[in-house]
Amino acid sequence: MEGIAEYGPTYASYLGGAERIIYTADPGLIQYVLQKNQKNFGKSRLQTKVLSRFAGKGLLTVEGDYWRQQRRLIQPGFHKEKLSGLVKIMLSVIDEQLDLLEAKFEKQSVVNISEEMMEMAFQIVARSLFSTHTEAQDLRDLSDNITDIQRFVIKQVRQPFKIPWYYLSGQFRSADQTAVHTKKILQEFIDFRRSETGEHHDLLDMLLSARYEDTGEGMTDTQLVDESLIFFSAGHETSANALAWTWYLLAQHPEVITKIKAEINDVLGDRPPGFMDLPNLSYTMQVVQESLRLYPPAWIMDRIALSDDEYEGVKIPKGTMIFPFIYGVHRLPGYWENPDEFNPDRFDKSKMKERPAFSYLPFGGGPRMCIGVNFAYMEMQLVLIQTLRRMSFQLVNKEDVIPQPLITLRAAKGIKMRKV
């Protein structure tokens, strides 16, 4: 935020003294890049080369005609109506993880809620994608492998000058082997599902049943593995960090917890939430939205200009890297009153029309807006509801909670909580 405070919402700098970079928290420019002239702004090498080496060619890493083809194929499976079948699966996982969390609190007074939400989100993604044949060891290997690959990708981003050393020291070879092992596990899940009969109403069923309009054929096994891996990689860490930050905020605002509990009681009573209940739990959704405003997991994006361009006097030469600064947009005083304050009421429906386009984009914007947005919102609502029915948390290490902007926005030292 220092750059914005000194230079304004859009400013340029130079990487290594030569490569021009534009940082922007201007909703108008961000909309221009992500939507109005999005064909001139491609994804950076980080996503198209670095990530795709390990994660394959899924929606997150591909571009052009192939991306459009895959998006059209997969998008219907993430419509709200299709996701309704996942509610029971999610609730089962959440309750299992809360049982484990309560057992942990019986043995120790303080837990790192960041780690607990990481496990919660991973298990939700795993069971939502593969509701059957999810052996514990396979899932543990899958989680560990994805974590190792993400750490290696972060190392390349933060220290690109060491890339030659990563080759010489065998770290690339090790990461490649980890990726191969990960894809083997996913292929085994897919093979097992193909051998089963009946419907399972999970995301794998959706991927298997999807058909291309022109050929009527489904995806190959390689495509199924790549899309599954992307969903695991992009889907669980973002939700986990968002949930951890939400508990961090709620622990400091007990009055908000009281309002959530009152809404749960009014709408649900003692029964479990169903898909049709979620729109009626509007305040709970507002809490989720406000948490994502203050601590968006995807805190920054990156694009590269494919040809010379200009936006309201801002020159954008071909090859310029543009970084839409989501964290900055979400905290601009010109668009948000008391922007650093946690206030779920700002997302009341009566106030939604006051917000300019692209001033709130925790899941990106334009044609490449995250395909899992409805999944994530549903997941976060359900986790909050079920958890607050059983426990709340007291923050232990407020002074040590510092945002760490890596690929996602996480707490550098975790978020320590006591059960209350």
Protein backbone atom coordinates (compact mmCIF):
# COMPACT_ATOMS: atom_id res chain seq x y z
CA MET A 1 0.00 0.00 0.00
CA GLU A 2 3.03 2.29 0.38
CA GLY A 3 3.39 2.68 -3.39
CA ILE A 4 -0.26 3.64 -3.77
CA ALA A 5 -0.01 6.15 -0.94
CA GLU A 6 3.03 7.78 -2.56
CA TYR A 7 2.30 7.55 -6.29
CA GLY A 8 -1.44 6.97 -6.60
CA PRO A 9 -3.46 3.89 -7.63
CA THR A 10 -1.40 3.25 -10.80
CA TYR A 11 2.36 3.53 -10.98
CA ALA A 12 5.27 1.99 -12.87
CA SER A 13 8.56 0.55 -11.72
CA TYR A 14 11.39 -1.33 -13.37
CA LEU A 15 12.48 -4.88 -12.62
CA GLY A 16 16.25 -5.19 -12.74
CA GLY A 17 16.43 -1.69 -14.14
CA ALA A 18 15.06 -2.71 -17.53
CA GLU A 19 11.69 -4.53 -17.49
CA ARG A 20 8.78 -2.11 -17.03
CA ILE A 21 6.07 -3.16 -14.60
CA ILE A 22 2.77 -1.44 -13.88
CA TYR A 23 1.02 -1.89 -10.54
CA THR A 24 -2.58 -0.78 -10.41
CA ALA A 25 -5.41 -0.55 -7.91
CA ASP A 26 -7.57 1.43 -10.34
CA PRO A 27 -10.81 -0.52 -10.94
CA GLY A 28 -11.15 1.06 -14.38
CA LEU A 29 -7.73 -0.09 -15.58
CA ILE A 30 -8.20 -3.50 -14.00
CA GLN A 31 -11.52 -3.90 -15.82
CA TYR A 32 -9.83 -2.83 -19.06
CA VAL A 33 -7.12 -5.47 -18.62
CA LEU A 34 -9.30 -8.33 -17.36
CA GLN A 35 -12.46 -7.71 -19.35
CA LYS A 36 -12.78 -4.91 -21.91
CA ASN A 37 -9.54 -5.60 -23.77
CA GLN A 38 -8.62 -8.91 -22.15
CA LYS A 39 -7.54 -10.45 -25.47
CA ASN A 40 -4.47 -8.18 -25.43
CA PHE A 41 -3.39 -9.23 -21.95
CA GLY A 42 -2.14 -12.78 -21.56
CA LYS A 43 -1.09 -14.68 -18.49
CA SER A 44 2.49 -14.38 -17.33
CA ARG A 45 5.23 -16.96 -17.61
CA LEU A 46 4.60 -17.93 -13.97
CA GLN A 47 1.22 -19.42 -14.82
CA THR A 48 1.70 -20.56 -18.40
CA LYS A 49 5.18 -22.07 -17.97
CA VAL A 50 6.19 -22.54 -14.34
CA LEU A 51 2.89 -23.87 -12.99
CA SER A 52 1.97 -25.86 -16.09
CA ARG A 53 5.25 -27.79 -15.88
CA PHE A 54 4.01 -29.44 -12.69
CA ALA A 55 0.23 -28.97 -12.77
CA GLY A 56 -0.37 -29.72 -16.43
CA LYS A 57 -2.70 -28.01 -18.87
CA GLY A 58 -5.75 -27.13 -16.84
CA LEU A 59 -8.02 -24.08 -16.76
CA LEU A 60 -5.59 -22.09 -14.62
CA THR A 61 -2.56 -22.53 -16.85
CA VAL A 62 -3.79 -22.57 -20.46
CA GLU A 63 -4.91 -19.78 -22.77
CA GLY A 64 -6.53 -19.15 -26.14
CA ASP A 65 -8.91 -21.49 -27.93
CA TYR A 66 -8.09 -24.46 -25.72
CA TRP A 67 -8.94 -22.48 -22.58
CA ARG A 68 -12.25 -21.33 -24.08
CA GLN A 69 -13.08 -24.90 -25.06
CA GLN A 70 -12.36 -26.24 -21.57
CA ARG A 71 -14.17 -23.39 -19.85
CA ARG A 72 -17.34 -24.00 -21.90
CA LEU A 73 -17.09 -27.70 -21.15
CA ILE A 74 -16.57 -27.44 -17.40
CA GLN A 75 -18.49 -24.27 -16.47
CA PRO A 76 -21.96 -25.89 -16.27
CA GLY A 77 -20.73 -28.25 -13.56
CA PHE A 78 -20.01 -25.29 -11.28
CA HIS A 79 -23.40 -23.63 -11.61
CA LYS A 80 -25.18 -23.32 -8.27
CA GLU A 81 -27.81 -25.93 -9.13
CA LYS A 82 -25.12 -28.51 -9.90
CA LEU A 83 -23.27 -27.73 -6.67
CA SER A 84 -26.33 -28.44 -4.55
CA GLY A 85 -25.47 -32.13 -4.55
CA LEU A 86 -22.20 -31.38 -2.76
CA VAL A 87 -23.77 -29.95 0.40
CA LYS A 88 -24.15 -33.32 2.13
CA ILE A 89 -20.60 -34.28 1.20
CA MET A 90 -19.24 -31.00 2.55
CA LEU A 91 -21.22 -31.24 5.79
CA SER A 92 -19.95 -34.76 6.41
CA VAL A 93 -16.33 -33.66 5.97
CA ILE A 94 -16.78 -30.54 8.10
CA ASP A 95 -18.29 -32.49 10.99
CA GLU A 96 -15.50 -35.10 10.81
CA GLN A 97 -12.84 -32.39 10.87
CA LEU A 98 -14.54 -30.60 13.76
CA ASP A 99 -14.54 -33.86 15.74
CA LEU A 100 -10.78 -34.07 15.17
CA LEU A 101 -10.34 -30.43 16.14
CA GLU A 102 -12.25 -30.88 19.38
CA ALA A 103 -10.13 -33.93 20.19
CA LYS A 104 -7.00 -31.86 19.56
CA PHE A 105 -8.23 -29.13 21.90
CA GLU A 106 -8.64 -31.76 24.60
CA LYS A 107 -4.91 -32.50 24.36
CA GLN A 108 -3.60 -28.97 23.87
CA SER A 109 -4.94 -25.54 24.75
CA VAL A 110 -3.78 -23.72 21.60
CA VAL A 111 -3.95 -24.70 17.93
CA ASN A 112 -2.83 -23.03 14.72
CA ILE A 113 -6.15 -22.39 13.01
CA SER A 114 -4.33 -21.77 9.73
CA GLU A 115 -3.16 -25.40 9.70
CA GLU A 116 -6.58 -26.68 10.76
CA MET A 117 -8.33 -24.80 7.97
CA MET A 118 -5.76 -26.05 5.46
CA GLU A 119 -6.64 -29.63 6.39
CA MET A 120 -10.37 -28.82 6.44
CA ALA A 121 -10.29 -27.27 2.97
CA PHE A 122 -8.16 -30.05 1.53
CA GLN A 123 -10.53 -32.74 2.78
CA ILE A 124 -13.53 -30.82 1.42
CA VAL A 125 -11.95 -30.54 -2.02
CA ALA A 126 -10.85 -34.18 -1.97
CA ARG A 127 -14.28 -35.56 -1.09
CA SER A 128 -16.12 -33.11 -3.34
CA LEU A 129 -14.02 -34.26 -6.27
CA PHE A 130 -13.58 -37.92 -5.35
CA SER A 131 -16.39 -38.95 -3.02
CA THR A 132 -15.33 -42.61 -3.23
CA HIS A 133 -12.00 -44.43 -3.08
CA THR A 134 -10.24 -41.73 -1.10
CA GLU A 135 -7.80 -43.80 0.90
CA ALA A 136 -6.26 -41.83 3.78
CA GLN A 137 -2.66 -42.48 2.72
CA ASP A 138 -3.35 -41.55 -0.88
CA LEU A 139 -4.90 -38.28 0.24
CA ARG A 140 -2.00 -37.60 2.58
CA ASP A 141 0.49 -38.21 -0.22
CA LEU A 142 -1.56 -35.99 -2.51
CA SER A 143 -1.63 -33.17 0.04
CA ASP A 144 2.09 -33.42 0.80
CA ASN A 145 3.00 -33.55 -2.89
CA ILE A 146 0.92 -30.50 -3.79
CA THR A 147 2.40 -28.58 -0.86
CA ASP A 148 5.95 -29.50 -1.94
CA ILE A 149 5.30 -28.44 -5.53
CA GLN A 150 3.76 -25.13 -4.42
CA ARG A 151 6.78 -24.40 -2.23
CA PHE A 152 9.11 -25.05 -5.14
CA VAL A 153 7.08 -22.76 -7.41
CA ILE A 154 7.25 -20.03 -4.75
CA LYS A 155 11.03 -20.41 -4.59
CA GLN A 156 11.26 -19.81 -8.33
CA VAL A 157 9.07 -16.72 -8.08
CA ARG A 158 10.91 -15.22 -5.13
CA GLN A 159 14.44 -16.14 -6.23
CA PRO A 160 14.44 -16.51 -10.03
CA PHE A 161 18.20 -15.92 -10.13
CA LYS A 162 18.63 -19.32 -8.45
CA ILE A 163 16.82 -21.25 -11.19
CA PRO A 164 20.09 -22.50 -12.77
CA TRP A 165 21.10 -23.82 -9.34
CA TYR A 166 17.74 -25.56 -8.96
CA TYR A 167 18.55 -27.49 -12.14
CA LEU A 168 22.12 -28.31 -11.13
CA SER A 169 21.15 -29.39 -7.61
CA GLY A 170 18.44 -31.76 -8.85
CA GLN A 171 15.54 -29.81 -7.35
CA PHE A 172 13.72 -29.60 -10.68
CA ARG A 173 14.16 -33.34 -11.17
CA SER A 174 12.76 -33.99 -7.69
CA ALA A 175 9.77 -31.70 -8.29
CA ASP A 176 9.10 -33.39 -11.64
CA GLN A 177 9.09 -36.78 -9.92
CA THR A 178 6.69 -35.46 -7.28
CA ALA A 179 4.36 -34.21 -10.02
CA VAL A 180 4.46 -37.61 -11.75
CA HIS A 181 3.59 -39.36 -8.47
CA THR A 182 0.75 -36.91 -7.86
CA LYS A 183 -0.75 -37.52 -11.29
CA LYS A 184 -0.43 -41.26 -10.78
CA ILE A 185 -2.57 -41.05 -7.63
CA LEU A 186 -5.20 -39.00 -9.45
CA GLN A 187 -5.19 -41.45 -12.37
CA GLU A 188 -5.83 -44.31 -9.93
CA PHE A 189 -8.82 -42.43 -8.51
CA ILE A 190 -10.19 -41.95 -12.03
CA ASP A 191 -9.57 -45.59 -13.00
CA PHE A 192 -11.41 -46.75 -9.89
CA ARG A 193 -14.37 -44.51 -10.66
CA ARG A 194 -14.58 -45.80 -14.24
CA SER A 195 -14.86 -49.32 -12.83
CA GLU A 196 -17.83 -48.36 -10.63
CA THR A 197 -21.48 -48.17 -11.57
CA GLY A 198 -24.10 -45.66 -10.52
CA GLU A 199 -23.92 -41.93 -9.89
CA HIS A 200 -21.97 -40.24 -7.12
CA HIS A 201 -22.96 -36.57 -7.58
CA ASP A 202 -19.45 -35.28 -7.09
CA LEU A 203 -17.18 -33.16 -9.27
CA LEU A 204 -15.49 -36.18 -10.83
CA ASP A 205 -18.88 -37.36 -12.07
CA MET A 206 -19.33 -33.95 -13.64
CA LEU A 207 -15.92 -34.06 -15.34
CA LEU A 208 -16.49 -37.60 -16.61
CA SER A 209 -19.94 -36.84 -18.01
CA ALA A 210 -19.00 -33.53 -19.70
CA ARG A 211 -19.06 -33.70 -23.51
CA TYR A 212 -17.61 -31.40 -26.15
CA GLU A 213 -20.30 -29.78 -28.30
CA ASP A 214 -18.57 -30.44 -31.61
CA THR A 215 -17.56 -34.07 -31.15
CA GLY A 216 -19.78 -35.38 -28.37
CA GLU A 217 -16.69 -36.92 -26.80
CA GLY A 218 -15.49 -36.57 -23.23
CA MET A 219 -12.10 -35.54 -21.87
CA THR A 220 -9.11 -37.85 -22.10
CA ASP A 221 -7.58 -39.25 -18.93
CA THR A 222 -4.71 -36.77 -19.25
CA GLN A 223 -7.19 -33.88 -19.37
CA LEU A 224 -9.12 -35.28 -16.40
CA VAL A 225 -5.94 -35.59 -14.35
CA ASP A 226 -4.78 -32.07 -15.25
CA GLU A 227 -8.12 -30.44 -14.42
CA SER A 228 -8.36 -32.39 -11.16
CA LEU A 229 -4.85 -31.37 -10.14
CA ILE A 230 -5.56 -27.71 -10.91
CA PHE A 231 -8.71 -27.87 -8.82
CA PHE A 232 -6.79 -29.36 -5.89
CA SER A 233 -3.92 -26.90 -6.20
CA ALA A 234 -5.98 -23.75 -6.65
CA GLY A 235 -9.01 -24.76 -4.64
CA HIS A 236 -7.88 -25.73 -1.19
CA GLU A 237 -5.16 -23.24 -0.21
CA THR A 238 -7.20 -20.20 -1.21
CA SER A 239 -10.25 -21.35 0.77
CA ALA A 240 -8.08 -22.37 3.72
CA ASN A 241 -6.42 -18.98 3.96
CA ALA A 242 -9.75 -17.19 3.57
CA LEU A 243 -11.24 -19.24 6.41
CA ALA A 244 -8.24 -18.67 8.68
CA TRP A 245 -8.46 -14.90 8.16
CA THR A 246 -12.20 -15.05 8.82
CA TRP A 247 -11.62 -16.68 12.21
CA TYR A 248 -8.93 -14.07 12.91
CA LEU A 249 -11.46 -11.30 12.29
CA LEU A 250 -14.34 -12.95 14.13
CA ALA A 251 -12.21 -13.56 17.22
CA GLN A 252 -11.85 -9.79 17.50
CA HIS A 253 -15.53 -9.08 16.86
CA PRO A 254 -17.74 -11.19 19.15
CA GLU A 255 -20.73 -9.00 18.27
CA VAL A 256 -20.53 -10.33 14.70
CA ILE A 257 -20.47 -13.90 15.98
CA THR A 258 -23.60 -13.16 17.99
CA LYS A 259 -25.38 -11.94 14.86
CA ILE A 260 -24.30 -15.02 12.87
CA LYS A 261 -25.57 -17.36 15.58
CA ALA A 262 -28.88 -15.50 15.74
CA GLU A 263 -29.29 -15.86 11.98
CA ILE A 264 -28.45 -19.58 12.13
CA ASN A 265 -31.07 -20.05 14.84
CA ASP A 266 -33.71 -18.07 12.96
CA VAL A 267 -33.18 -19.79 9.60
CA LEU A 268 -32.20 -23.32 10.61
CA GLY A 269 -33.10 -23.95 14.21
CA ASP A 270 -31.40 -27.26 15.03
CA ARG A 271 -31.45 -28.81 11.57
CA PRO A 272 -28.45 -28.99 9.22
CA PRO A 273 -28.24 -26.40 6.45
CA GLY A 274 -29.44 -27.34 2.99
CA PHE A 275 -28.55 -25.76 -0.31
CA MET A 276 -31.78 -23.75 -0.43
CA ASP A 277 -31.05 -22.31 3.03
CA LEU A 278 -27.81 -20.60 2.01
CA PRO A 279 -29.38 -17.55 0.31
CA ASN A 280 -31.40 -16.94 3.48
CA LEU A 281 -28.22 -16.93 5.58
CA SER A 282 -27.37 -13.55 4.13
CA TYR A 283 -25.47 -12.09 7.07
CA THR A 284 -23.18 -15.12 7.16
CA MET A 285 -22.43 -14.51 3.48
CA GLN A 286 -21.75 -10.83 4.22
CA VAL A 287 -19.16 -11.91 6.80
CA VAL A 288 -17.49 -14.13 4.21
CA GLN A 289 -17.49 -11.31 1.65
CA GLU A 290 -16.03 -8.78 4.07
CA SER A 291 -13.30 -11.19 5.13
CA LEU A 292 -12.41 -11.72 1.47
CA ARG A 293 -12.29 -7.96 1.00
CA LEU A 294 -9.80 -7.39 3.81
CA TYR A 295 -7.70 -10.51 3.16
CA PRO A 296 -8.21 -11.72 -0.42
CA PRO A 297 -6.27 -14.99 -0.88
CA ALA A 298 -5.55 -14.04 -4.50
CA TRP A 299 -4.13 -10.69 -3.38
CA ILE A 300 -2.52 -9.81 -6.73
CA MET A 301 -2.81 -10.94 -10.35
CA ASP A 302 -0.48 -10.71 -13.32
CA ARG A 303 -0.91 -10.10 -17.00
CA ILE A 304 1.44 -9.20 -19.87
CA ALA A 305 0.61 -6.85 -22.76
CA LEU A 306 0.69 -8.75 -26.06
CA SER A 307 0.84 -5.52 -28.12
CA ASP A 308 1.18 -1.79 -27.46
CA ASP A 309 -1.81 -0.39 -25.63
CA GLU A 310 -3.01 2.65 -23.71
CA TYR A 311 -5.59 3.37 -21.03
CA GLU A 312 -6.57 6.96 -20.22
CA GLY A 313 -3.09 8.28 -20.92
CA VAL A 314 -1.24 5.35 -19.35
CA LYS A 315 1.14 3.93 -21.97
CA ILE A 316 1.33 0.14 -21.98
CA PRO A 317 4.06 -0.99 -24.39
CA LYS A 318 4.13 -4.55 -25.65
CA GLY A 319 5.73 -6.87 -23.09
CA THR A 320 4.78 -4.72 -20.09
CA MET A 321 3.83 -6.71 -17.02
CA ILE A 322 0.67 -5.44 -15.32
CA PHE A 323 -0.17 -6.39 -11.75
CA PRO A 324 -3.79 -5.74 -10.71
CA PHE A 325 -3.34 -5.20 -6.96
CA ILE A 326 -6.48 -6.74 -5.51
CA TYR A 327 -5.52 -6.12 -1.87
CA GLY A 328 -5.02 -2.45 -2.73
CA VAL A 329 -8.32 -2.08 -4.58
CA HIS A 330 -10.17 -3.57 -1.62
CA ARG A 331 -8.72 -0.97 0.76
CA LEU A 332 -8.90 2.21 -1.31
CA PRO A 333 -10.61 4.98 0.74
CA GLY A 334 -12.22 6.36 -2.42
CA TYR A 335 -14.28 3.20 -2.81
CA TRP A 336 -14.63 1.93 0.75
CA GLU A 337 -15.61 3.92 3.82
CA ASN A 338 -13.18 3.22 6.69
CA PRO A 339 -11.50 0.61 4.45
CA ASP A 340 -9.41 -1.08 7.16
CA GLU A 341 -12.43 -1.66 9.38
CA PHE A 342 -14.16 -5.06 9.52
CA ASN A 343 -17.79 -4.27 8.74
CA PRO A 344 -19.95 -7.00 7.16
CA ASP A 345 -22.85 -4.56 6.87
CA ARG A 346 -21.14 -2.92 3.89
CA PHE A 347 -22.21 -5.99 1.86
CA ASP A 348 -25.88 -5.61 2.65
CA LYS A 349 -27.83 -5.95 -0.60
CA SER A 350 -29.13 -2.40 -0.30
CA LYS A 351 -25.56 -1.11 -0.57
CA MET A 352 -24.29 -3.39 -3.33
CA LYS A 353 -25.29 -1.04 -6.18
CA GLU A 354 -23.08 1.70 -4.72
CA ARG A 355 -19.93 -0.33 -5.44
CA PRO A 356 -18.20 0.42 -8.76
CA ALA A 357 -17.42 -2.49 -11.09
CA PHE A 358 -14.10 -4.21 -10.38
CA SER A 359 -13.67 -2.54 -6.98
CA TYR A 360 -14.31 -5.95 -5.37
CA LEU A 361 -12.80 -8.99 -7.04
CA PRO A 362 -11.60 -11.67 -4.61
CA PHE A 363 -12.06 -14.25 -7.38
CA GLY A 364 -10.77 -12.09 -10.22
CA GLY A 365 -12.97 -10.68 -12.95
CA GLY A 366 -13.82 -10.88 -16.61
CA PRO A 367 -13.99 -14.09 -18.65
CA ARG A 368 -11.29 -15.74 -16.51
CA MET A 369 -13.02 -15.15 -13.21
CA CYS A 370 -12.42 -18.16 -10.96
CA ILE A 371 -14.70 -21.01 -12.02
CA GLY A 372 -14.96 -22.20 -8.41
CA VAL A 373 -16.44 -19.00 -6.94
CA ASN A 374 -19.80 -20.57 -6.05
CA PHE A 375 -18.07 -23.64 -4.64
CA ALA A 376 -15.87 -21.46 -2.41
CA TYR A 377 -18.71 -19.30 -1.13
CA MET A 378 -20.80 -22.36 -0.29
CA GLU A 379 -17.86 -24.06 1.40
CA MET A 380 -17.04 -21.04 3.57
CA GLN A 381 -20.65 -20.50 4.63
CA LEU A 382 -21.03 -24.14 5.66
CA VAL A 383 -17.75 -24.17 7.62
CA LEU A 384 -18.75 -21.04 9.55
CA ILE A 385 -22.23 -22.34 10.33
CA GLN A 386 -21.18 -25.79 11.52
CA THR A 387 -18.18 -24.56 13.48
CA LEU A 388 -20.02 -21.78 15.33
CA ARG A 389 -22.65 -24.29 16.37
CA ARG A 390 -19.92 -26.11 18.29
CA MET A 391 -17.22 -23.62 19.23
CA SER A 392 -15.73 -20.16 18.94
CA PHE A 393 -12.11 -19.07 19.18
CA GLN A 394 -10.00 -16.68 21.21
CA LEU A 395 -7.01 -15.17 19.43
CA VAL A 396 -3.70 -15.85 21.19
CA ASN A 397 -1.04 -14.17 19.04
CA LYS A 398 -2.62 -11.02 17.56
CA GLU A 399 0.68 -9.11 17.61
CA ASP A 400 2.38 -11.87 15.59
CA VAL A 401 -0.28 -12.16 12.88
CA ILE A 402 1.36 -10.55 9.86
CA PRO A 403 0.08 -11.04 6.29
CA GLN A 404 2.61 -12.86 4.11
CA PRO A 405 1.97 -12.19 0.40
CA LEU A 406 3.21 -15.30 -1.37
CA ILE A 407 1.20 -16.91 -4.17
CA THR A 408 -1.72 -16.56 -1.77
CA LEU A 409 -2.10 -14.25 1.22
CA ARG A 410 -1.39 -16.19 4.37
CA ALA A 411 -0.40 -15.38 7.95
CA ALA A 412 3.40 -15.56 8.19
CA LYS A 413 3.47 -17.23 11.62
CA GLY A 414 0.04 -18.79 11.55
CA ILE A 415 -2.98 -17.79 13.62
CA LYS A 416 -3.06 -19.31 17.13
CA MET A 417 -6.41 -19.87 18.80
CA ARG A 418 -7.95 -21.17 22.02
CA LYS A 419 -11.39 -22.76 22.04
CA VAL A 420 -14.09 -20.82 23.85
